[in-house]
Amino acid sequence: MCTMEVGSAHMPGGCGKQQAQKEASQAPETPKPTEVFLLQAFMMSGNLVCELRCRGTTTVEAAKLRIARLCDVAAHDQRLVHHGEVLEDPRTLESCTVLDTSLPGVDGLIVVQLVVNGASNVARSVRELGRSENPDIAIAGVLGDLVDSVLRAEHQLSERVRPRGETQLSAAIGRGKRAELVNWMVQAFTALRFDDAILHSIVLTLDRYYTTCSASSDTSNVQSVLLGAVCTEMKLAGADEFPPGHWQRVLCHICHGQVELSSILKSEYEVLARLNFQVGAPTPLAFARELGCGAPPDAEIGRGAVELASFLLELALFDPTLQYCRPHVLLAGGALSAALRVMEVETPSLRQGCREAREAIFQDLMFYDPENLRVAEQEALCCEGELLVLWLTCSEGHGNLEWALFYPTVEGKFRGRDQLRSVASNEVIASAVRACGEARGQC
């Protein structure tokens, strides 16, 4: 009897094939090669922070640790945003949306936005006041830890009272009549040297009031309602600005003595009652001034951006749709971003400073509402684009806008101020519109 060595090449065909298949099935599978991705992290300003080559199995937490070594931002202070979603630490990169790339040795491209946690830039700027040698200024530094909670409370109040019924507002007072009223206030309050904040607050109060009115409401009492709103705002401004006796004389001057003070006070009460006595809510201008405090400490850029943003927000007062279609803090962020865009187009040497200021502003937007404003950049850029287009349209005299004929009033008011005096070219505004469109396309 001949013997055969098991597994030898001389085993009969049938048995050998079965044995080979059995051994093949038991053999370990060849591991699939891990994909390699190029991870690009951008700041909210669009600046590239770093590029990493990572395996698909790399977790977000591990990627943050590598980013921390490159850009000096601790991993626990980072948030990576991908396609509008905040990536959780346990998630792997291979679960993200991968873009095609022709780079050698790379299977795909992943683009994320790096958002820095911690205190807002506004809070940090308040804390810095504590280092002042002037004790009256330094004492304000102790409020730094409260700033971010105040920002959230302001946004909540603003959203609670922000008019939502633009159609109802237009039906109650009419867009044309409303624009005439705003135009009159711009002229009158400029002559009275009111702070711009008073104008914005009174417009908000009037719009809230008329939003609650029906389309058939009597608008013959507009003067009384306006005087009542002015009365309230002067009282809220405080006795230092409007001491007793002074605010009464201002009211008399505005109405040329044709309306008794008792009638004005009665109208004031009716307006307050209609609004459930909720007044003093922050306006887009108030948010813009706050956000401007958190920009890098470049006096020229900071003052110029807030001033130019104030001009754009005053233009927006004439357009109730633009004024109320988004949270006011986003409109403020968009106005500041638009101002910075125009400044960097007008003066290229300010480009880096303007981009750093825009990055700080966009980061601070999230502190007003961490849950709903996590990805606020795109909405702020939309506001920026709409404001710039409105400015360009009015400046060129194009379009069929009810309020376009009032543009010279606003332009004339701000023309004497330093920042707007240098921005006179429609070509500059048009270039800013194009640059904004490119920035939106990169988000």
Protein backbone atom coordinates (compact mmCIF):
# COMPACT_ATOMS: atom_id res chain seq x y z
CA MET A 1 0.00 0.00 0.00
CA CYS A 2 1.43 3.27 -0.93
CA THR A 3 1.29 6.11 1.49
CA MET A 4 0.85 9.73 0.62
CA GLU A 5 1.95 12.76 2.53
CA VAL A 6 -1.04 14.85 3.44
CA GLY A 7 -1.12 18.03 1.45
CA SER A 8 1.45 16.78 -1.05
CA ALA A 9 1.26 17.65 -4.68
CA HIS A 10 0.56 13.98 -5.51
CA MET A 11 -2.78 13.86 -3.70
CA PRO A 12 -5.62 12.88 -5.99
CA GLY A 13 -7.30 15.90 -7.66
CA GLY A 14 -10.66 15.82 -5.83
CA CYS A 15 -9.28 15.56 -2.31
CA GLY A 16 -6.49 18.06 -3.00
CA LYS A 17 -8.88 20.72 -4.26
CA GLN A 18 -11.16 20.38 -1.23
CA GLN A 19 -8.24 20.56 1.15
CA ALA A 20 -6.86 23.65 -0.59
CA GLN A 21 -10.22 25.39 -0.41
CA LYS A 22 -10.49 24.55 3.27
CA GLU A 23 -7.04 25.93 3.99
CA ALA A 24 -7.79 29.08 1.96
CA SER A 25 -10.98 29.72 3.91
CA GLN A 26 -9.10 29.43 7.19
CA ALA A 27 -6.28 31.72 6.09
CA PRO A 28 -6.46 35.30 7.49
CA GLU A 29 -7.84 37.90 5.07
CA THR A 30 -5.45 40.44 3.65
CA PRO A 31 -6.15 43.71 5.47
CA LYS A 32 -7.67 46.46 3.35
CA PRO A 33 -5.27 49.39 3.12
CA THR A 34 -6.37 52.33 5.28
CA GLU A 35 -7.31 55.44 3.34
CA VAL A 36 -5.27 58.58 3.84
CA PHE A 37 -7.02 61.95 3.82
CA LEU A 38 -5.75 65.50 3.72
CA LEU A 39 -7.48 67.45 6.51
CA GLN A 40 -7.59 71.22 5.99
CA ALA A 41 -8.63 73.41 8.93
CA PHE A 42 -9.76 76.98 8.26
CA MET A 43 -10.60 79.77 10.66
CA MET A 44 -13.95 81.53 10.24
CA SER A 45 -12.19 84.34 8.37
CA GLY A 46 -11.19 81.87 5.66
CA ASN A 47 -7.52 81.73 6.68
CA LEU A 48 -5.96 78.27 6.44
CA VAL A 49 -4.71 77.19 9.86
CA CYS A 50 -3.04 73.90 9.02
CA GLU A 51 -3.04 70.82 6.80
CA LEU A 52 -2.76 67.30 8.19
CA ARG A 53 -2.39 63.92 6.52
CA CYS A 54 -4.56 61.57 8.54
CA ARG A 55 -5.76 58.00 8.21
CA GLY A 56 -9.47 57.45 7.84
CA THR A 57 -9.56 55.73 11.23
CA THR A 58 -8.19 58.84 12.96
CA THR A 59 -10.69 60.22 15.47
CA VAL A 60 -11.67 63.85 15.69
CA GLU A 61 -10.12 63.96 19.15
CA ALA A 62 -6.77 62.79 17.77
CA ALA A 63 -6.96 65.35 14.97
CA LYS A 64 -7.58 68.12 17.50
CA LEU A 65 -4.45 67.10 19.42
CA ARG A 66 -2.38 67.39 16.25
CA ILE A 67 -3.97 70.75 15.40
CA ALA A 68 -3.18 71.98 18.93
CA ARG A 69 0.53 71.35 18.36
CA LEU A 70 0.46 73.40 15.17
CA CYS A 71 -1.71 76.41 15.99
CA ASP A 72 -1.40 76.82 19.77
CA VAL A 73 -5.08 76.24 20.50
CA ALA A 74 -5.70 73.60 23.17
CA ALA A 75 -7.69 70.58 21.98
CA HIS A 76 -10.44 71.15 24.54
CA ASP A 77 -10.88 74.71 23.22
CA GLN A 78 -11.44 73.52 19.64
CA ARG A 79 -14.62 72.75 17.75
CA LEU A 80 -14.36 71.32 14.25
CA VAL A 81 -17.35 72.16 12.06
CA HIS A 82 -17.93 70.12 8.91
CA HIS A 83 -20.80 70.93 6.52
CA GLY A 84 -22.65 72.79 9.26
CA GLU A 85 -22.21 70.01 11.84
CA VAL A 86 -19.99 70.06 14.90
CA LEU A 87 -17.87 66.88 14.83
CA GLU A 88 -17.94 64.86 18.05
CA ASP A 89 -14.60 63.62 19.43
CA PRO A 90 -15.19 59.83 18.99
CA ARG A 91 -16.11 60.20 15.32
CA THR A 92 -13.60 59.05 12.70
CA LEU A 93 -12.59 61.10 9.69
CA GLU A 94 -13.68 58.42 7.22
CA SER A 95 -17.30 59.14 8.22
CA CYS A 96 -17.02 62.73 6.93
CA THR A 97 -17.84 63.96 3.46
CA VAL A 98 -14.69 63.42 1.42
CA LEU A 99 -13.85 65.58 -1.60
CA ASP A 100 -11.90 64.33 -4.59
CA THR A 101 -8.32 65.48 -4.93
CA SER A 102 -5.46 64.86 -7.35
CA LEU A 103 -2.77 65.14 -4.70
CA PRO A 104 -0.36 62.16 -4.76
CA GLY A 105 -0.64 59.71 -1.89
CA VAL A 106 -3.97 61.15 -0.72
CA ASP A 107 -7.33 59.41 -1.15
CA GLY A 108 -9.51 62.44 -0.45
CA LEU A 109 -9.82 65.92 1.00
CA ILE A 110 -11.72 66.86 4.17
CA VAL A 111 -12.31 70.55 4.91
CA VAL A 112 -13.30 71.67 8.41
CA GLN A 113 -13.77 74.97 10.16
CA LEU A 114 -11.88 75.53 13.39
CA VAL A 115 -13.88 77.33 16.05
CA VAL A 116 -12.17 78.35 19.28
CA ASN A 117 -14.07 77.87 22.54
CA GLY A 118 -13.45 79.70 25.77
CA ALA A 119 -14.38 83.28 26.56
CA SER A 120 -15.56 85.61 23.82
CA ASN A 121 -13.28 88.32 22.49
CA VAL A 122 -15.68 90.86 23.96
CA ALA A 123 -15.20 89.32 27.41
CA ARG A 124 -11.44 89.28 27.00
CA SER A 125 -11.41 92.95 26.03
CA VAL A 126 -13.39 93.82 29.18
CA ARG A 127 -10.96 91.80 31.30
CA GLU A 128 -8.08 93.75 29.79
CA LEU A 129 -9.58 96.90 31.28
CA GLY A 130 -8.54 95.54 34.66
CA ARG A 131 -4.91 96.22 33.75
CA SER A 132 -5.48 99.93 33.33
CA GLU A 133 -3.62 102.25 35.67
CA ASN A 134 -6.75 104.36 35.89
CA PRO A 135 -8.80 102.89 38.78
CA ASP A 136 -12.07 104.15 37.29
CA ILE A 137 -11.39 102.06 34.17
CA ALA A 138 -9.72 99.11 35.90
CA ILE A 139 -12.75 98.41 38.08
CA ALA A 140 -14.74 97.51 34.96
CA GLY A 141 -12.39 94.57 34.41
CA VAL A 142 -14.09 92.59 37.18
CA LEU A 143 -17.15 92.32 34.93
CA GLY A 144 -15.25 90.24 32.37
CA ASP A 145 -16.55 86.92 33.73
CA LEU A 146 -20.16 88.11 33.39
CA VAL A 147 -19.94 89.36 29.82
CA ASP A 148 -20.78 86.13 27.98
CA SER A 149 -23.86 85.45 30.10
CA VAL A 150 -24.99 89.03 29.40
CA LEU A 151 -24.50 88.48 25.65
CA ARG A 152 -26.76 85.44 25.78
CA ALA A 153 -29.42 87.29 27.79
CA GLU A 154 -29.36 90.19 25.33
CA HIS A 155 -29.83 87.88 22.36
CA GLN A 156 -32.71 86.08 24.05
CA LEU A 157 -34.45 89.39 24.76
CA SER A 158 -33.83 90.60 21.21
CA GLU A 159 -35.31 87.42 19.72
CA ARG A 160 -38.30 87.59 22.05
CA VAL A 161 -39.31 91.05 20.84
CA ARG A 162 -38.02 91.03 17.24
CA PRO A 163 -40.98 91.70 14.90
CA ARG A 164 -41.78 88.66 12.75
CA GLY A 165 -44.78 89.96 10.83
CA GLU A 166 -43.18 92.19 8.19
CA THR A 167 -46.27 91.82 6.01
CA GLN A 168 -48.49 92.85 8.91
CA LEU A 169 -46.22 95.80 9.67
CA SER A 170 -46.38 97.00 6.07
CA ALA A 171 -50.16 96.57 6.03
CA ALA A 172 -50.58 98.56 9.24
CA ILE A 173 -48.46 101.57 8.33
CA GLY A 174 -47.39 101.12 4.71
CA ARG A 175 -43.81 100.78 3.53
CA GLY A 176 -43.75 104.20 1.92
CA LYS A 177 -45.20 106.00 4.94
CA ARG A 178 -42.86 104.11 7.24
CA ALA A 179 -39.86 105.13 5.09
CA GLU A 180 -40.96 108.77 5.24
CA LEU A 181 -41.22 108.53 9.02
CA VAL A 182 -37.74 106.99 9.35
CA ASN A 183 -36.33 109.65 7.04
CA TRP A 184 -37.88 112.42 9.16
CA MET A 185 -36.41 110.88 12.33
CA VAL A 186 -32.94 110.69 10.78
CA GLN A 187 -33.07 114.40 9.98
CA ALA A 188 -34.67 115.53 13.25
CA PHE A 189 -32.53 113.42 15.56
CA THR A 190 -29.36 114.46 13.75
CA ALA A 191 -30.30 118.11 14.29
CA LEU A 192 -30.99 117.36 17.97
CA ARG A 193 -27.65 115.52 18.20
CA PHE A 194 -29.24 112.36 19.53
CA ASP A 195 -27.03 109.33 19.75
CA ASP A 196 -27.70 106.94 16.86
CA ALA A 197 -28.77 104.33 19.41
CA ILE A 198 -31.90 106.37 20.21
CA LEU A 199 -32.97 106.39 16.56
CA HIS A 200 -32.60 102.62 16.25
CA SER A 201 -34.45 101.96 19.50
CA ILE A 202 -37.36 104.21 18.55
CA VAL A 203 -37.70 102.56 15.13
CA LEU A 204 -37.76 99.16 16.83
CA THR A 205 -40.42 100.33 19.29
CA LEU A 206 -42.61 101.76 16.53
CA ASP A 207 -42.28 98.64 14.38
CA ARG A 208 -43.15 96.40 17.31
CA TYR A 209 -46.18 98.56 18.04
CA TYR A 210 -47.49 98.59 14.48
CA THR A 211 -46.85 94.86 14.07
CA THR A 212 -49.52 94.35 16.73
CA CYS A 213 -51.99 96.58 14.88
CA SER A 214 -54.46 95.42 12.28
CA ALA A 215 -54.39 96.53 8.65
CA SER A 216 -57.42 98.72 9.27
CA SER A 217 -55.81 100.57 12.18
CA ASP A 218 -55.98 104.34 12.21
CA THR A 219 -52.53 105.75 11.40
CA SER A 220 -53.54 109.37 11.92
CA ASN A 221 -52.04 109.15 15.41
CA VAL A 222 -48.52 108.41 14.13
CA GLN A 223 -47.22 111.67 15.59
CA SER A 224 -48.55 110.85 19.05
CA VAL A 225 -47.16 107.30 18.92
CA LEU A 226 -43.78 108.65 17.79
CA LEU A 227 -43.67 111.25 20.56
CA GLY A 228 -44.58 108.59 23.10
CA ALA A 229 -41.71 106.38 21.89
CA VAL A 230 -39.29 109.33 22.00
CA CYS A 231 -40.41 110.09 25.55
CA THR A 232 -39.70 106.51 26.64
CA GLU A 233 -36.24 106.44 25.04
CA MET A 234 -35.15 109.69 26.67
CA LYS A 235 -36.18 108.32 30.06
CA LEU A 236 -34.27 105.10 29.42
CA ALA A 237 -31.18 107.10 28.41
CA GLY A 238 -31.01 108.42 31.97
CA ALA A 239 -30.99 111.72 33.82
CA ASP A 240 -27.37 112.47 32.90
CA GLU A 241 -28.26 112.80 29.23
CA PHE A 242 -31.85 114.01 29.59
CA PRO A 243 -32.29 115.61 33.03
CA PRO A 244 -35.75 116.55 34.31
CA GLY A 245 -37.05 119.56 32.45
CA HIS A 246 -34.77 118.97 29.47
CA TRP A 247 -36.62 116.02 27.98
CA GLN A 248 -39.91 117.90 28.30
CA ARG A 249 -38.43 120.81 26.34
CA VAL A 250 -37.13 118.41 23.67
CA LEU A 251 -40.60 116.94 23.20
CA CYS A 252 -42.09 120.42 22.92
CA HIS A 253 -39.46 121.33 20.33
CA ILE A 254 -40.10 118.22 18.24
CA CYS A 255 -43.85 118.83 18.01
CA HIS A 256 -43.46 122.63 17.82
CA GLY A 257 -45.61 122.94 20.95
CA GLN A 258 -48.69 121.63 19.14
CA VAL A 259 -49.17 118.57 21.40
CA GLU A 260 -49.75 118.82 25.14
CA LEU A 261 -47.34 116.90 27.38
CA SER A 262 -50.29 115.12 28.99
CA SER A 263 -51.34 113.78 25.56
CA ILE A 264 -47.79 112.60 24.87
CA LEU A 265 -47.64 110.78 28.21
CA LYS A 266 -50.99 109.16 27.49
CA SER A 267 -49.72 107.93 24.11
CA GLU A 268 -46.55 106.68 25.79
CA TYR A 269 -48.58 104.59 28.21
CA GLU A 270 -50.71 103.15 25.40
CA VAL A 271 -47.60 102.11 23.46
CA LEU A 272 -45.98 100.57 26.54
CA ALA A 273 -49.15 98.68 27.43
CA ARG A 274 -49.39 97.29 23.88
CA LEU A 275 -45.78 96.07 24.20
CA ASN A 276 -46.34 94.61 27.69
CA PHE A 277 -43.89 97.20 29.02
CA GLN A 278 -40.97 95.36 27.42
CA VAL A 279 -38.69 98.09 26.12
CA GLY A 280 -34.97 98.72 26.01
CA ALA A 281 -34.22 95.64 23.89
CA PRO A 282 -30.84 95.68 22.12
CA THR A 283 -30.86 96.76 18.50
CA PRO A 284 -28.53 95.72 15.65
CA LEU A 285 -26.51 98.88 16.33
CA ALA A 286 -26.08 97.89 19.99
CA PHE A 287 -24.86 94.44 18.95
CA ALA A 288 -22.49 95.98 16.38
CA ARG A 289 -20.92 98.22 19.00
CA GLU A 290 -20.47 95.25 21.31
CA LEU A 291 -18.92 93.04 18.66
CA GLY A 292 -16.62 95.88 17.66
CA CYS A 293 -15.19 95.86 21.19
CA GLY A 294 -13.92 92.33 20.67
CA ALA A 295 -12.02 93.06 17.45
CA PRO A 296 -8.19 93.19 17.65
CA PRO A 297 -6.91 96.36 19.33
CA ASP A 298 -6.29 98.33 16.15
CA ALA A 299 -7.88 101.71 16.77
CA GLU A 300 -8.08 102.64 13.10
CA ILE A 301 -9.79 99.41 12.07
CA GLY A 302 -12.07 99.22 15.10
CA ARG A 303 -13.42 102.76 14.91
CA GLY A 304 -13.73 102.67 11.14
CA ALA A 305 -15.59 99.36 11.08
CA VAL A 306 -18.14 100.37 13.71
CA GLU A 307 -18.72 103.75 12.04
CA LEU A 308 -19.22 102.27 8.59
CA ALA A 309 -21.38 99.48 10.02
CA SER A 310 -23.55 102.15 11.66
CA PHE A 311 -24.11 103.70 8.24
CA LEU A 312 -25.14 100.36 6.74
CA LEU A 313 -27.46 99.58 9.64
CA GLU A 314 -29.10 102.97 9.23
CA LEU A 315 -29.75 102.15 5.59
CA ALA A 316 -31.28 98.86 6.72
CA LEU A 317 -33.78 100.75 8.88
CA PHE A 318 -35.65 101.68 5.70
CA ASP A 319 -36.06 98.03 4.67
CA PRO A 320 -38.19 96.13 7.20
CA THR A 321 -37.57 92.82 5.44
CA LEU A 322 -33.80 93.12 5.76
CA GLN A 323 -34.14 94.58 9.24
CA TYR A 324 -36.17 91.73 10.72
CA CYS A 325 -35.68 88.58 8.64
CA ARG A 326 -32.77 87.33 10.77
CA PRO A 327 -31.63 87.65 14.38
CA HIS A 328 -30.33 91.15 15.01
CA VAL A 329 -26.95 89.92 16.17
CA LEU A 330 -26.42 88.32 12.74
CA LEU A 331 -27.39 91.56 11.00
CA ALA A 332 -24.86 93.37 13.19
CA GLY A 333 -22.16 90.83 12.38
CA GLY A 334 -22.96 91.16 8.67
CA ALA A 335 -22.74 94.96 8.85
CA LEU A 336 -19.33 94.83 10.54
CA SER A 337 -18.10 92.24 8.05
CA ALA A 338 -19.30 94.44 5.17
CA ALA A 339 -17.52 97.44 6.67
CA LEU A 340 -14.29 95.50 7.01
CA ARG A 341 -14.65 94.20 3.45
CA VAL A 342 -14.93 97.74 2.09
CA MET A 343 -12.00 98.91 4.21
CA GLU A 344 -9.68 96.17 2.97
CA VAL A 345 -10.67 96.84 -0.64
CA GLU A 346 -10.16 100.58 -0.17
CA THR A 347 -6.88 100.23 1.77
CA PRO A 348 -5.00 96.97 0.96
CA SER A 349 -2.50 97.61 3.76
CA LEU A 350 -5.32 96.98 6.25
CA ARG A 351 -6.23 93.61 4.73
CA GLN A 352 -4.66 91.38 7.36
CA GLY A 353 -6.00 93.44 10.23
CA CYS A 354 -9.48 93.46 8.73
CA ARG A 355 -9.45 89.69 8.30
CA GLU A 356 -8.36 89.17 11.89
CA ALA A 357 -11.11 91.50 13.07
CA ARG A 358 -13.72 89.63 10.97
CA GLU A 359 -12.53 86.32 12.40
CA ALA A 360 -12.91 87.62 15.96
CA ILE A 361 -16.41 88.94 15.19
CA PHE A 362 -17.61 85.68 13.62
CA GLN A 363 -16.26 83.71 16.57
CA ASP A 364 -18.10 85.94 19.03
CA LEU A 365 -21.42 85.47 17.24
CA MET A 366 -21.68 81.96 18.67
CA PHE A 367 -21.46 83.18 22.25
CA TYR A 368 -24.84 84.88 21.90
CA ASP A 369 -26.55 81.54 21.22
CA PRO A 370 -24.17 78.54 21.39
CA GLU A 371 -26.83 76.07 20.23
CA ASN A 372 -28.47 77.89 17.32
CA LEU A 373 -25.64 80.14 16.14
CA ARG A 374 -22.89 77.51 16.00
CA VAL A 375 -22.48 78.03 12.29
CA ALA A 376 -23.32 81.72 12.03
CA GLU A 377 -20.73 82.69 9.44
CA GLN A 378 -22.86 81.85 6.39
CA GLU A 379 -25.88 83.78 7.66
CA ALA A 380 -23.72 86.77 8.58
CA LEU A 381 -22.17 86.70 5.11
CA CYS A 382 -25.67 86.68 3.61
CA CYS A 383 -26.50 89.80 5.62
CA GLU A 384 -23.22 91.34 4.49
CA GLY A 385 -24.02 90.71 0.84
CA GLU A 386 -27.54 92.13 1.13
CA LEU A 387 -26.31 95.26 2.89
CA LEU A 388 -23.59 95.87 0.31
CA VAL A 389 -26.02 95.36 -2.58
CA LEU A 390 -28.49 97.76 -0.94
CA TRP A 391 -25.73 100.35 -0.57
CA LEU A 392 -24.56 99.94 -4.16
CA THR A 393 -28.12 100.04 -5.54
CA CYS A 394 -28.97 103.23 -3.67
CA SER A 395 -25.62 104.84 -4.45
CA GLU A 396 -25.96 104.16 -8.18
CA GLY A 397 -29.61 105.23 -8.20
CA HIS A 398 -30.78 101.91 -9.59
CA GLY A 399 -33.69 99.76 -8.55
CA ASN A 400 -37.28 100.51 -7.64
CA LEU A 401 -37.05 100.88 -3.89
CA GLU A 402 -39.55 102.90 -1.88
CA TRP A 403 -36.75 104.26 0.27
CA ALA A 404 -34.09 104.86 -2.41
CA LEU A 405 -34.99 108.55 -2.60
CA PHE A 406 -34.13 108.88 1.10
CA TYR A 407 -30.57 107.59 0.60
CA PRO A 408 -29.09 111.13 0.32
CA THR A 409 -30.36 111.88 3.83
CA VAL A 410 -28.40 109.01 5.36
CA GLU A 411 -25.37 109.55 3.16
CA GLY A 412 -25.32 113.25 3.99
CA LYS A 413 -25.48 112.49 7.71
CA PHE A 414 -22.49 110.14 7.61
CA ARG A 415 -20.54 111.94 4.89
CA GLY A 416 -19.06 114.30 7.44
CA ARG A 417 -17.73 111.44 9.51
CA ASP A 418 -14.16 110.31 8.94
CA GLN A 419 -14.68 106.79 7.69
CA LEU A 420 -17.41 107.42 5.12
CA ARG A 421 -15.64 110.50 3.79
CA SER A 422 -12.98 108.30 2.21
CA VAL A 423 -15.37 105.70 0.80
CA ALA A 424 -17.01 107.45 -2.12
CA SER A 425 -16.39 105.12 -5.03
CA ASN A 426 -19.05 102.79 -6.39
CA GLU A 427 -16.20 100.69 -7.76
CA VAL A 428 -15.01 100.04 -4.21
CA ILE A 429 -18.50 98.95 -3.13
CA ALA A 430 -18.88 96.73 -6.22
CA SER A 431 -15.51 95.10 -5.49
CA ALA A 432 -16.62 94.46 -1.93
CA VAL A 433 -19.82 92.82 -3.24
CA ARG A 434 -17.76 90.47 -5.41
CA ALA A 435 -15.35 89.67 -2.57
CA CYS A 436 -18.29 88.85 -0.29
CA GLY A 437 -19.72 86.51 -2.93
CA GLU A 438 -16.40 84.69 -3.14
CA ALA A 439 -16.25 84.36 0.64
CA ARG A 440 -19.77 82.88 0.69
CA GLY A 441 -18.77 80.38 -1.97
CA GLN A 442 -15.87 79.17 0.19
CA CYS A 443 -18.08 78.42 3.21
